[in-house]
Amino acid sequence: MAALVIFTLIGSCYDIKMRNKNQGQSPTGNKYLLCFSVFQNIRHLIPRQPEDPKLQQLTPLHGIRTLALVCTTYAHFALLMPVFNKDPETLEKAYDGHIFYYLFFNGMMVVQIFFFLSGFLLAYLLQMNSEKIHVGWSLVPKALLLRWSRLTPVCAMMVAFIATWMRHLGSGPLWKLATTTGPTAACRTYWCSHLLYVNNLVPDNKLCMFQTWHIAADMQMFILGVVVHVATRNGKRALTISLLLILGMLAPAIHVWLYGTRPTCLLTAQFLRTMSDETYYYLHNRGYMNLPCFLLGMSSGYIGLNLQRKGVDLSKNRVLRFLSWWVIPLIMAVMLAGRMFASYEVQVSIWTRMAYAATHRAALGLLLSAFVLGIICRCNDLSRMLLEWPFWMVTSKLSYCVYIVHIAFLYLFLGNRQELFPVSFINVGYITFGGMVLSYIVAVPMYLMIEAPFGKLIQVITEDREARNKTD
């Protein structure tokens, strides 16, 4: 931490010195030091429209990412409810209560939005830059290095914090359970799996930043996506993605058939209490089990860019207009369909479970495809206007740091509790709001001092190396 502060101070002072030397113009000089300048990184955080018209069409994705993050954070803070709650009966009745409670209990599907956006942006940006850069197998390690260098410093810092300092920041009857023998012990044991993004393949790693299974799964699918893009640069891209999509749909169905699990991971009281569920570890958090949304996101990215290049106007397309307005109710319908699998008393047939396991992720991916393409093609001006709010650009850029850091506040809140927790979705909402505010406050310096500098540093090193290779 001290080294980061020193580098930040040196980079910022160097930026001021070079700016004064250039009479207020953009500083030129040592690019490596300027990567650590707070002033340079703040400029990247300030909302501004991209210069490229194609990228301007993607502005609403910032709003989608932020809203998905809020829903995911709410689900994580809901883990507080079953732990020493004041009224267990209320929680039990919720599972037999209002039908819309199942939107929450099957809410882990929301993470599919992130997988879709990841695939969409990967395909869109790679295809857009294919005219400027050489698309060959050398692109695979380069893309992997850039992504690893952007994600890992923040993740490593939080793993180190949980493994060392966090256990000294509180006390109480639950403190040892919530920190010392829980997340702290797990992070000391499994820290390496988080840095290599294979922690979702370690079933015993239940408590060390459990939310980062999504980051690991996304990294694994990212590697596959880059390989597919490079391997199909000369043709048969649609066929390859279609075959992988079929395999991605068959994998969950085969797992349900072999092991008889639920077709989707539900937030049951048992799972919330123990964080142990076979469906979660073997069906929900594996990268290859989440391929449908990612691959449909890639397909949508290719289609969206081709539509823009050809100047095709789909703003009056009736199908896209209908789906762009009704996508949220339709997604809710897919989530509510999982209600039939919540009961332990009523056993749903194996064929029904296999069908749902195979199709629900693909159904969500198709609905998200229609919504995003409809937004890009301006089929829904109201949604686009709301999602283009400039503030979403800031919250979206900070979303990764918020996603990483908010879990520490969950551990601290749980460990410092001195009394039983009243079960209420409204109470969870209050705590989520407070946790989000604190997470964004911490995320700002983390972005300025860790995520942005190291991401830019690796990019500068890579560009300099390529320039030297061209010169030689």
Protein backbone atom coordinates (compact mmCIF):
# COMPACT_ATOMS: atom_id res chain seq x y z
CA MET A 1 0.00 0.00 0.00
CA ALA A 2 2.81 2.42 0.86
CA ALA A 3 4.46 1.70 -2.49
CA LEU A 4 1.20 2.51 -4.32
CA VAL A 5 0.91 5.84 -2.49
CA ILE A 6 4.53 6.70 -3.31
CA PHE A 7 4.13 5.84 -6.99
CA THR A 8 0.90 7.86 -7.13
CA LEU A 9 2.55 10.90 -5.55
CA ILE A 10 5.56 10.68 -7.88
CA GLY A 11 3.37 10.25 -10.96
CA SER A 12 1.05 13.10 -9.98
CA CYS A 13 3.92 15.49 -9.19
CA TYR A 14 5.61 14.57 -12.48
CA ASP A 15 2.32 15.26 -14.30
CA ILE A 16 2.06 18.73 -12.70
CA LYS A 17 5.68 19.50 -13.55
CA MET A 18 5.33 18.49 -17.21
CA ARG A 19 2.02 20.32 -17.55
CA ASN A 20 3.58 23.54 -16.24
CA LYS A 21 6.51 23.01 -18.59
CA ASN A 22 4.11 22.64 -21.54
CA GLN A 23 2.11 25.71 -20.42
CA GLY A 24 -1.05 23.82 -19.48
CA GLN A 25 -1.10 21.51 -22.48
CA SER A 26 -1.34 17.74 -22.19
CA PRO A 27 1.90 16.57 -20.61
CA THR A 28 4.46 14.62 -22.57
CA GLY A 29 7.34 12.77 -21.04
CA ASN A 30 7.81 9.49 -19.25
CA LYS A 31 4.68 7.51 -20.11
CA TYR A 32 5.32 5.00 -17.36
CA LEU A 33 5.24 7.61 -14.61
CA LEU A 34 2.19 9.32 -16.10
CA CYS A 35 0.25 6.05 -15.74
CA PHE A 36 0.27 6.66 -11.97
CA SER A 37 -0.88 10.27 -12.17
CA VAL A 38 -4.15 10.84 -10.33
CA PHE A 39 -4.97 13.71 -12.67
CA GLN A 40 -4.58 11.53 -15.76
CA ASN A 41 -6.74 8.80 -14.27
CA ILE A 42 -9.44 11.22 -13.12
CA ARG A 43 -9.80 12.37 -16.73
CA HIS A 44 -10.55 8.76 -17.71
CA LEU A 45 -13.17 8.57 -14.97
CA ILE A 46 -14.98 11.80 -15.94
CA PRO A 47 -17.93 10.96 -18.24
CA ARG A 48 -17.38 11.90 -21.85
CA GLN A 49 -18.75 10.67 -25.14
CA PRO A 50 -16.36 8.51 -27.19
CA GLU A 51 -15.05 10.09 -30.37
CA ASP A 52 -15.88 7.03 -32.47
CA PRO A 53 -19.58 7.12 -33.53
CA LYS A 54 -19.76 3.33 -33.25
CA LEU A 55 -18.71 3.43 -29.60
CA GLN A 56 -21.23 6.20 -28.92
CA GLN A 57 -23.99 3.71 -29.70
CA LEU A 58 -22.79 1.54 -26.81
CA THR A 59 -23.24 4.23 -24.13
CA PRO A 60 -26.45 2.61 -22.72
CA LEU A 61 -24.43 -0.47 -21.73
CA HIS A 62 -22.99 1.55 -18.83
CA GLY A 63 -26.47 1.87 -17.36
CA ILE A 64 -27.24 -1.83 -17.84
CA ARG A 65 -24.00 -2.81 -16.10
CA THR A 66 -24.63 -0.53 -13.13
CA LEU A 67 -28.21 -1.69 -12.58
CA ALA A 68 -27.13 -5.34 -12.82
CA LEU A 69 -24.43 -4.60 -10.21
CA VAL A 70 -27.04 -3.17 -7.82
CA CYS A 71 -29.18 -6.31 -8.15
CA THR A 72 -26.18 -8.57 -7.60
CA THR A 73 -25.02 -6.62 -4.56
CA TYR A 74 -28.50 -6.83 -3.05
CA ALA A 75 -28.44 -10.62 -3.43
CA HIS A 76 -25.06 -10.80 -1.68
CA PHE A 77 -26.17 -8.70 1.28
CA ALA A 78 -29.25 -10.90 1.56
CA LEU A 79 -26.88 -13.58 2.86
CA LEU A 80 -27.22 -11.78 6.19
CA MET A 81 -30.85 -12.80 6.56
CA PRO A 82 -30.56 -16.46 7.64
CA VAL A 83 -27.55 -15.92 9.94
CA PHE A 84 -28.82 -15.49 13.50
CA ASN A 85 -32.00 -13.80 12.38
CA LYS A 86 -34.63 -12.58 14.80
CA ASP A 87 -37.61 -14.21 13.10
CA PRO A 88 -36.79 -17.43 11.20
CA GLU A 89 -40.49 -18.12 10.65
CA THR A 90 -40.83 -15.05 8.44
CA LEU A 91 -37.99 -16.24 6.22
CA GLU A 92 -39.50 -19.73 5.98
CA LYS A 93 -42.92 -18.35 5.04
CA ALA A 94 -41.36 -16.25 2.28
CA TYR A 95 -40.65 -19.45 0.34
CA ASP A 96 -44.39 -20.19 0.30
CA GLY A 97 -45.47 -16.58 0.03
CA HIS A 98 -45.93 -14.12 -2.80
CA ILE A 99 -44.97 -15.38 -6.23
CA PHE A 100 -42.60 -12.45 -6.77
CA TYR A 101 -40.44 -13.60 -3.86
CA TYR A 102 -39.17 -16.14 -6.36
CA LEU A 103 -37.70 -13.34 -8.43
CA PHE A 104 -35.32 -12.96 -5.53
CA PHE A 105 -34.83 -16.65 -4.75
CA ASN A 106 -34.02 -17.32 -8.42
CA GLY A 107 -32.19 -14.00 -8.72
CA MET A 108 -28.77 -15.57 -9.24
CA MET A 109 -29.69 -15.57 -12.94
CA VAL A 110 -28.91 -11.83 -12.97
CA VAL A 111 -25.22 -12.66 -13.33
CA GLN A 112 -25.98 -13.81 -16.88
CA ILE A 113 -26.27 -10.12 -17.81
CA PHE A 114 -22.55 -9.68 -17.06
CA PHE A 115 -21.66 -12.73 -19.16
CA PHE A 116 -23.73 -11.41 -22.05
CA LEU A 117 -22.15 -7.94 -21.87
CA SER A 118 -18.67 -9.48 -21.68
CA GLY A 119 -19.23 -11.53 -24.83
CA PHE A 120 -20.88 -8.62 -26.62
CA LEU A 121 -18.06 -6.15 -25.93
CA LEU A 122 -15.36 -8.72 -26.68
CA ALA A 123 -16.73 -9.53 -30.15
CA TYR A 124 -17.69 -5.92 -30.94
CA LEU A 125 -14.32 -4.42 -30.04
CA LEU A 126 -12.22 -7.18 -31.59
CA GLN A 127 -14.14 -6.96 -34.83
CA MET A 128 -14.07 -3.16 -34.85
CA ASN A 129 -10.29 -3.14 -34.37
CA SER A 130 -9.65 -5.95 -36.86
CA GLU A 131 -9.00 -3.34 -39.57
CA LYS A 132 -6.30 -1.67 -37.47
CA ILE A 133 -4.51 -4.63 -35.90
CA HIS A 134 -3.33 -7.95 -37.22
CA VAL A 135 -5.67 -10.76 -36.15
CA GLY A 136 -3.37 -13.72 -35.58
CA TRP A 137 -2.59 -16.16 -32.82
CA SER A 138 -0.30 -13.61 -31.18
CA LEU A 139 -3.48 -11.71 -30.29
CA VAL A 140 -4.51 -14.41 -27.78
CA PRO A 141 -1.65 -13.95 -25.23
CA LYS A 142 -1.74 -10.17 -25.74
CA ALA A 143 -5.47 -9.95 -25.00
CA LEU A 144 -5.09 -12.28 -22.04
CA LEU A 145 -2.19 -10.24 -20.62
CA LEU A 146 -4.10 -6.96 -20.92
CA ARG A 147 -7.19 -8.38 -19.25
CA TRP A 148 -5.22 -10.14 -16.50
CA SER A 149 -3.25 -6.98 -15.74
CA ARG A 150 -6.43 -4.92 -15.44
CA LEU A 151 -8.30 -7.32 -13.17
CA THR A 152 -5.58 -8.85 -11.00
CA PRO A 153 -4.10 -5.89 -9.05
CA VAL A 154 -7.46 -4.97 -7.48
CA CYS A 155 -8.31 -8.61 -6.81
CA ALA A 156 -4.88 -9.31 -5.29
CA MET A 157 -5.12 -6.25 -3.06
CA MET A 158 -8.51 -7.32 -1.69
CA VAL A 159 -7.40 -10.94 -1.15
CA ALA A 160 -4.36 -9.65 0.75
CA PHE A 161 -6.56 -7.32 2.83
CA ILE A 162 -8.98 -10.09 3.81
CA ALA A 163 -6.12 -12.49 4.58
CA THR A 164 -4.24 -10.03 6.82
CA TRP A 165 -5.69 -6.71 8.01
CA MET A 166 -9.42 -7.40 8.07
CA ARG A 167 -9.33 -9.68 11.11
CA HIS A 168 -8.05 -6.74 13.21
CA LEU A 169 -10.91 -4.36 12.35
CA GLY A 170 -13.66 -5.53 14.69
CA SER A 171 -14.88 -7.76 17.47
CA GLY A 172 -18.01 -9.45 18.71
CA PRO A 173 -19.61 -12.85 19.20
CA LEU A 174 -19.65 -13.50 15.45
CA TRP A 175 -16.28 -11.97 14.63
CA LYS A 176 -14.25 -15.18 14.69
CA LEU A 177 -16.84 -17.01 12.57
CA ALA A 178 -17.22 -14.14 10.08
CA THR A 179 -13.52 -13.39 9.62
CA THR A 180 -10.71 -15.32 11.32
CA THR A 181 -11.89 -18.90 10.76
CA GLY A 182 -13.95 -17.98 7.70
CA PRO A 183 -12.83 -15.64 4.89
CA THR A 184 -9.40 -14.89 6.37
CA ALA A 185 -8.45 -18.56 6.70
CA ALA A 186 -9.84 -19.34 3.24
CA CYS A 187 -7.95 -16.49 1.56
CA ARG A 188 -4.71 -17.59 3.20
CA THR A 189 -5.21 -21.07 1.81
CA TYR A 190 -6.66 -20.43 -1.65
CA TRP A 191 -5.22 -17.03 -2.59
CA CYS A 192 -3.35 -18.45 -5.58
CA SER A 193 -6.54 -19.75 -7.22
CA HIS A 194 -7.96 -16.22 -7.26
CA LEU A 195 -4.92 -14.80 -9.02
CA LEU A 196 -5.05 -17.57 -11.64
CA TYR A 197 -8.87 -17.27 -11.98
CA VAL A 198 -9.58 -20.91 -11.26
CA ASN A 199 -11.19 -20.36 -7.84
CA ASN A 200 -14.58 -21.41 -9.27
CA LEU A 201 -13.08 -24.88 -9.81
CA VAL A 202 -12.17 -25.30 -6.10
CA PRO A 203 -15.29 -26.51 -4.24
CA ASP A 204 -13.67 -26.17 -0.79
CA ASN A 205 -13.05 -22.44 -1.32
CA LYS A 206 -16.45 -21.27 -0.08
CA LEU A 207 -15.72 -18.03 1.78
CA CYS A 208 -12.70 -16.22 0.29
CA MET A 209 -14.35 -13.57 -1.90
CA PHE A 210 -17.01 -16.03 -2.99
CA GLN A 211 -18.45 -13.50 -5.45
CA THR A 212 -15.34 -13.72 -7.64
CA TRP A 213 -16.46 -17.06 -9.09
CA HIS A 214 -18.08 -14.85 -11.73
CA ILE A 215 -14.75 -13.15 -12.52
CA ALA A 216 -13.05 -16.53 -12.88
CA ALA A 217 -15.80 -17.94 -15.11
CA ASP A 218 -15.77 -14.80 -17.21
CA MET A 219 -11.98 -15.00 -17.63
CA GLN A 220 -12.26 -18.62 -18.78
CA MET A 221 -14.94 -17.72 -21.33
CA PHE A 222 -12.96 -14.65 -22.39
CA ILE A 223 -10.02 -16.88 -23.36
CA LEU A 224 -12.37 -19.13 -25.33
CA GLY A 225 -13.93 -16.10 -27.03
CA VAL A 226 -10.58 -14.72 -28.19
CA VAL A 227 -9.54 -18.15 -29.47
CA VAL A 228 -12.82 -18.48 -31.40
CA HIS A 229 -12.41 -15.00 -32.89
CA VAL A 230 -8.88 -15.72 -34.10
CA ALA A 231 -9.58 -19.28 -35.27
CA THR A 232 -12.60 -18.19 -37.35
CA ARG A 233 -11.08 -15.04 -38.85
CA ASN A 234 -11.22 -16.62 -42.31
CA GLY A 235 -14.73 -18.05 -42.07
CA LYS A 236 -17.13 -20.50 -40.38
CA ARG A 237 -17.56 -18.20 -37.39
CA ALA A 238 -21.35 -18.65 -37.23
CA LEU A 239 -21.01 -22.44 -37.43
CA THR A 240 -18.37 -22.54 -34.68
CA ILE A 241 -20.38 -20.36 -32.31
CA SER A 242 -23.52 -22.40 -33.04
CA LEU A 243 -21.78 -25.68 -32.21
CA LEU A 244 -20.35 -24.24 -29.00
CA LEU A 245 -23.79 -22.89 -28.11
CA ILE A 246 -25.31 -26.36 -28.50
CA LEU A 247 -22.56 -27.83 -26.30
CA GLY A 248 -23.13 -25.08 -23.74
CA MET A 249 -26.83 -25.95 -23.62
CA LEU A 250 -26.24 -29.70 -23.41
CA ALA A 251 -23.69 -29.53 -20.57
CA PRO A 252 -26.16 -28.43 -17.81
CA ALA A 253 -28.80 -30.87 -19.03
CA ILE A 254 -26.34 -33.78 -18.94
CA HIS A 255 -25.22 -32.78 -15.45
CA VAL A 256 -28.83 -32.78 -14.22
CA TRP A 257 -29.37 -36.18 -15.81
CA LEU A 258 -26.25 -37.70 -14.25
CA TYR A 259 -26.51 -36.24 -10.75
CA GLY A 260 -30.22 -35.44 -10.35
CA THR A 261 -29.64 -31.84 -9.18
CA ARG A 262 -31.88 -28.84 -9.59
CA PRO A 263 -31.62 -27.24 -13.05
CA THR A 264 -30.90 -23.80 -11.56
CA CYS A 265 -29.30 -22.55 -8.36
CA LEU A 266 -31.92 -21.15 -5.98
CA LEU A 267 -31.29 -19.09 -2.85
CA THR A 268 -32.79 -21.64 -0.52
CA ALA A 269 -32.58 -21.20 3.24
CA GLN A 270 -30.15 -24.13 3.44
CA PHE A 271 -27.86 -22.61 0.81
CA LEU A 272 -27.96 -19.16 2.44
CA ARG A 273 -27.07 -20.71 5.81
CA THR A 274 -24.25 -23.03 4.74
CA MET A 275 -23.06 -21.69 1.36
CA SER A 276 -22.97 -25.35 0.35
CA ASP A 277 -24.98 -26.65 -2.59
CA GLU A 278 -24.07 -29.09 -5.33
CA THR A 279 -26.06 -27.15 -7.92
CA TYR A 280 -24.10 -24.00 -7.11
CA TYR A 281 -20.63 -25.54 -7.30
CA TYR A 282 -21.08 -27.82 -10.27
CA LEU A 283 -23.86 -26.25 -12.35
CA HIS A 284 -23.93 -22.53 -11.58
CA ASN A 285 -20.35 -21.29 -11.27
CA ARG A 286 -18.51 -23.30 -13.92
CA GLY A 287 -17.47 -21.28 -16.95
CA TYR A 288 -18.60 -23.87 -19.50
CA MET A 289 -22.04 -24.05 -17.85
CA ASN A 290 -22.59 -20.34 -18.60
CA LEU A 291 -21.55 -20.38 -22.25
CA PRO A 292 -24.98 -19.72 -23.83
CA CYS A 293 -25.31 -16.10 -22.67
CA PHE A 294 -21.65 -15.36 -23.41
CA LEU A 295 -21.83 -16.83 -26.93
CA LEU A 296 -25.12 -15.09 -27.70
CA GLY A 297 -23.46 -11.89 -26.49
CA MET A 298 -20.62 -12.46 -28.96
CA SER A 299 -23.11 -13.12 -31.77
CA SER A 300 -24.97 -9.92 -30.92
CA GLY A 301 -21.70 -7.98 -30.94
CA TYR A 302 -20.84 -9.18 -34.45
CA ILE A 303 -24.40 -8.54 -35.69
CA GLY A 304 -24.61 -5.08 -34.10
CA LEU A 305 -21.33 -3.92 -35.64
CA ASN A 306 -22.26 -5.29 -39.08
CA LEU A 307 -25.61 -3.47 -38.93
CA GLN A 308 -23.81 -0.22 -38.12
CA ARG A 309 -21.24 -0.67 -40.89
CA LYS A 310 -23.97 -1.34 -43.46
CA GLY A 311 -26.12 1.51 -42.20
CA VAL A 312 -29.15 -0.74 -41.69
CA ASP A 313 -32.03 1.08 -39.95
CA LEU A 314 -34.02 -1.26 -37.69
CA SER A 315 -35.63 1.44 -35.57
CA LYS A 316 -39.06 0.52 -37.00
CA ASN A 317 -38.60 -3.25 -36.77
CA ARG A 318 -41.69 -4.54 -35.00
CA VAL A 319 -40.04 -7.56 -33.38
CA LEU A 320 -37.19 -5.54 -31.89
CA ARG A 321 -39.56 -2.80 -30.77
CA PHE A 322 -41.83 -5.33 -29.05
CA LEU A 323 -38.99 -7.17 -27.34
CA SER A 324 -37.20 -3.98 -26.29
CA TRP A 325 -40.34 -2.93 -24.40
CA TRP A 326 -41.27 -6.34 -23.00
CA VAL A 327 -37.82 -7.78 -22.28
CA ILE A 328 -38.01 -7.20 -18.50
CA PRO A 329 -41.39 -8.96 -18.05
CA LEU A 330 -40.18 -11.81 -20.26
CA ILE A 331 -36.96 -12.21 -18.22
CA MET A 332 -39.08 -12.21 -15.06
CA ALA A 333 -41.20 -14.97 -16.60
CA VAL A 334 -38.10 -17.09 -17.24
CA MET A 335 -36.99 -16.57 -13.64
CA LEU A 336 -40.44 -17.34 -12.21
CA ALA A 337 -40.56 -20.55 -14.22
CA GLY A 338 -37.87 -21.83 -11.86
CA ARG A 339 -40.37 -21.73 -8.99
CA MET A 340 -41.43 -25.30 -9.71
CA PHE A 341 -38.00 -26.55 -8.66
CA ALA A 342 -37.96 -24.86 -5.23
CA SER A 343 -40.05 -27.44 -3.37
CA TYR A 344 -38.41 -30.42 -1.70
CA GLU A 345 -41.76 -32.19 -1.45
CA VAL A 346 -42.75 -32.11 -5.13
CA GLN A 347 -40.18 -33.80 -7.35
CA VAL A 348 -40.28 -32.48 -10.90
CA SER A 349 -39.60 -34.99 -13.66
CA ILE A 350 -36.03 -35.39 -14.85
CA TRP A 351 -36.97 -34.39 -18.41
CA THR A 352 -38.51 -31.11 -17.25
CA ARG A 353 -35.42 -30.31 -15.21
CA MET A 354 -33.14 -31.16 -18.11
CA ALA A 355 -35.18 -28.98 -20.48
CA TYR A 356 -35.06 -26.00 -18.12
CA ALA A 357 -31.33 -26.46 -17.45
CA ALA A 358 -30.62 -26.52 -21.18
CA THR A 359 -32.79 -23.59 -22.24
CA HIS A 360 -33.13 -20.93 -19.55
CA ARG A 361 -29.66 -19.38 -20.06
CA ALA A 362 -30.14 -19.37 -23.83
CA ALA A 363 -33.58 -17.81 -23.40
CA LEU A 364 -32.10 -15.03 -21.27
CA GLY A 365 -29.35 -14.53 -23.85
CA LEU A 366 -31.84 -14.18 -26.71
CA LEU A 367 -33.93 -11.67 -24.75
CA LEU A 368 -30.83 -9.66 -23.85
CA SER A 369 -29.72 -9.78 -27.49
CA ALA A 370 -33.03 -8.33 -28.63
CA PHE A 371 -32.92 -5.65 -25.94
CA VAL A 372 -29.34 -4.53 -26.59
CA LEU A 373 -29.74 -4.56 -30.37
CA GLY A 374 -33.01 -2.68 -29.96
CA ILE A 375 -31.28 -0.05 -27.84
CA ILE A 376 -28.42 0.30 -30.34
CA CYS A 377 -30.89 0.58 -33.24
CA ARG A 378 -32.99 3.10 -31.25
CA CYS A 379 -36.12 0.97 -31.14
CA ASN A 380 -36.84 2.13 -27.59
CA ASP A 381 -36.02 5.82 -27.12
CA LEU A 382 -37.24 5.95 -23.52
CA SER A 383 -34.97 3.12 -22.32
CA ARG A 384 -32.05 4.52 -24.28
CA MET A 385 -32.55 7.99 -22.78
CA LEU A 386 -32.58 6.56 -19.23
CA LEU A 387 -29.57 4.32 -19.82
CA GLU A 388 -27.55 7.11 -21.50
CA TRP A 389 -27.48 9.23 -18.33
CA PRO A 390 -23.82 10.41 -18.13
CA PHE A 391 -23.55 9.44 -14.47
CA TRP A 392 -23.82 5.76 -15.47
CA MET A 393 -20.42 6.08 -17.18
CA VAL A 394 -18.76 6.85 -13.85
CA THR A 395 -20.56 4.12 -11.90
CA SER A 396 -19.87 1.63 -14.68
CA LYS A 397 -16.14 2.36 -14.75
CA LEU A 398 -16.05 1.85 -10.98
CA SER A 399 -18.21 -1.28 -11.12
CA TYR A 400 -15.33 -3.77 -11.01
CA CYS A 401 -13.78 -2.20 -7.90
CA VAL A 402 -17.22 -2.00 -6.26
CA TYR A 403 -17.90 -5.63 -7.09
CA ILE A 404 -14.61 -6.69 -5.53
CA VAL A 405 -14.71 -4.50 -2.43
CA HIS A 406 -18.36 -4.71 -1.35
CA ILE A 407 -17.94 -8.22 0.01
CA ALA A 408 -15.48 -6.94 2.63
CA PHE A 409 -18.21 -4.68 4.02
CA LEU A 410 -20.51 -7.69 4.15
CA TYR A 411 -17.95 -9.61 6.23
CA LEU A 412 -17.37 -6.61 8.51
CA PHE A 413 -21.07 -5.97 9.02
CA LEU A 414 -21.73 -9.63 9.81
CA GLY A 415 -18.78 -9.98 12.18
CA ASN A 416 -19.55 -6.80 14.16
CA ARG A 417 -23.19 -7.65 14.80
CA GLN A 418 -24.13 -7.69 18.48
CA GLU A 419 -27.79 -8.68 18.13
CA LEU A 420 -30.13 -10.77 16.03
CA PHE A 421 -30.97 -9.52 12.54
CA PRO A 422 -34.62 -8.70 11.68
CA VAL A 423 -35.65 -10.58 8.53
CA SER A 424 -36.95 -8.12 5.94
CA PHE A 425 -36.24 -7.44 2.30
CA ILE A 426 -36.55 -3.73 3.13
CA ASN A 427 -33.86 -4.02 5.81
CA VAL A 428 -31.61 -5.76 3.32
CA GLY A 429 -32.31 -2.87 0.92
CA TYR A 430 -31.17 -0.34 3.54
CA ILE A 431 -27.99 -2.30 4.22
CA THR A 432 -27.35 -2.72 0.50
CA PHE A 433 -27.67 1.02 -0.04
CA GLY A 434 -25.20 1.72 2.77
CA GLY A 435 -22.84 -0.97 1.51
CA MET A 436 -23.01 0.40 -2.05
CA VAL A 437 -22.24 3.95 -0.88
CA LEU A 438 -19.25 2.77 1.16
CA SER A 439 -18.07 0.53 -1.68
CA TYR A 440 -18.16 3.40 -4.20
CA ILE A 441 -16.28 5.65 -1.77
CA VAL A 442 -13.52 3.05 -1.45
CA ALA A 443 -13.70 2.19 -5.17
CA VAL A 444 -12.66 5.69 -6.27
CA PRO A 445 -9.11 5.58 -4.79
CA MET A 446 -8.81 1.91 -5.77
CA TYR A 447 -9.58 2.80 -9.37
CA LEU A 448 -7.28 5.84 -9.40
CA MET A 449 -4.36 4.14 -7.66
CA ILE A 450 -4.62 0.50 -8.72
CA GLU A 451 -6.97 -0.47 -11.55
CA ALA A 452 -6.37 2.41 -13.97
CA PRO A 453 -2.57 2.77 -13.46
CA PHE A 454 -1.70 -0.91 -13.85
CA GLY A 455 -4.04 -1.38 -16.80
CA LYS A 456 -2.47 1.60 -18.60
CA LEU A 457 1.04 0.53 -17.61
CA ILE A 458 0.75 -2.89 -19.25
CA GLN A 459 -0.84 -1.29 -22.30
CA VAL A 460 2.04 1.20 -22.64
CA ILE A 461 4.62 -1.58 -22.23
CA THR A 462 2.87 -3.69 -24.88
CA GLU A 463 2.64 -0.79 -27.34
CA ASP A 464 6.31 0.11 -26.87
CA ARG A 465 7.34 -3.49 -27.45
CA GLU A 466 5.29 -3.69 -30.65
CA ALA A 467 6.78 -0.41 -31.86
CA ARG A 468 10.31 -1.73 -31.29
CA ASN A 469 9.47 -4.95 -33.14
CA LYS A 470 8.20 -2.96 -36.15
CA THR A 471 11.35 -0.82 -36.12
CA ASP A 472 13.59 -3.90 -36.04
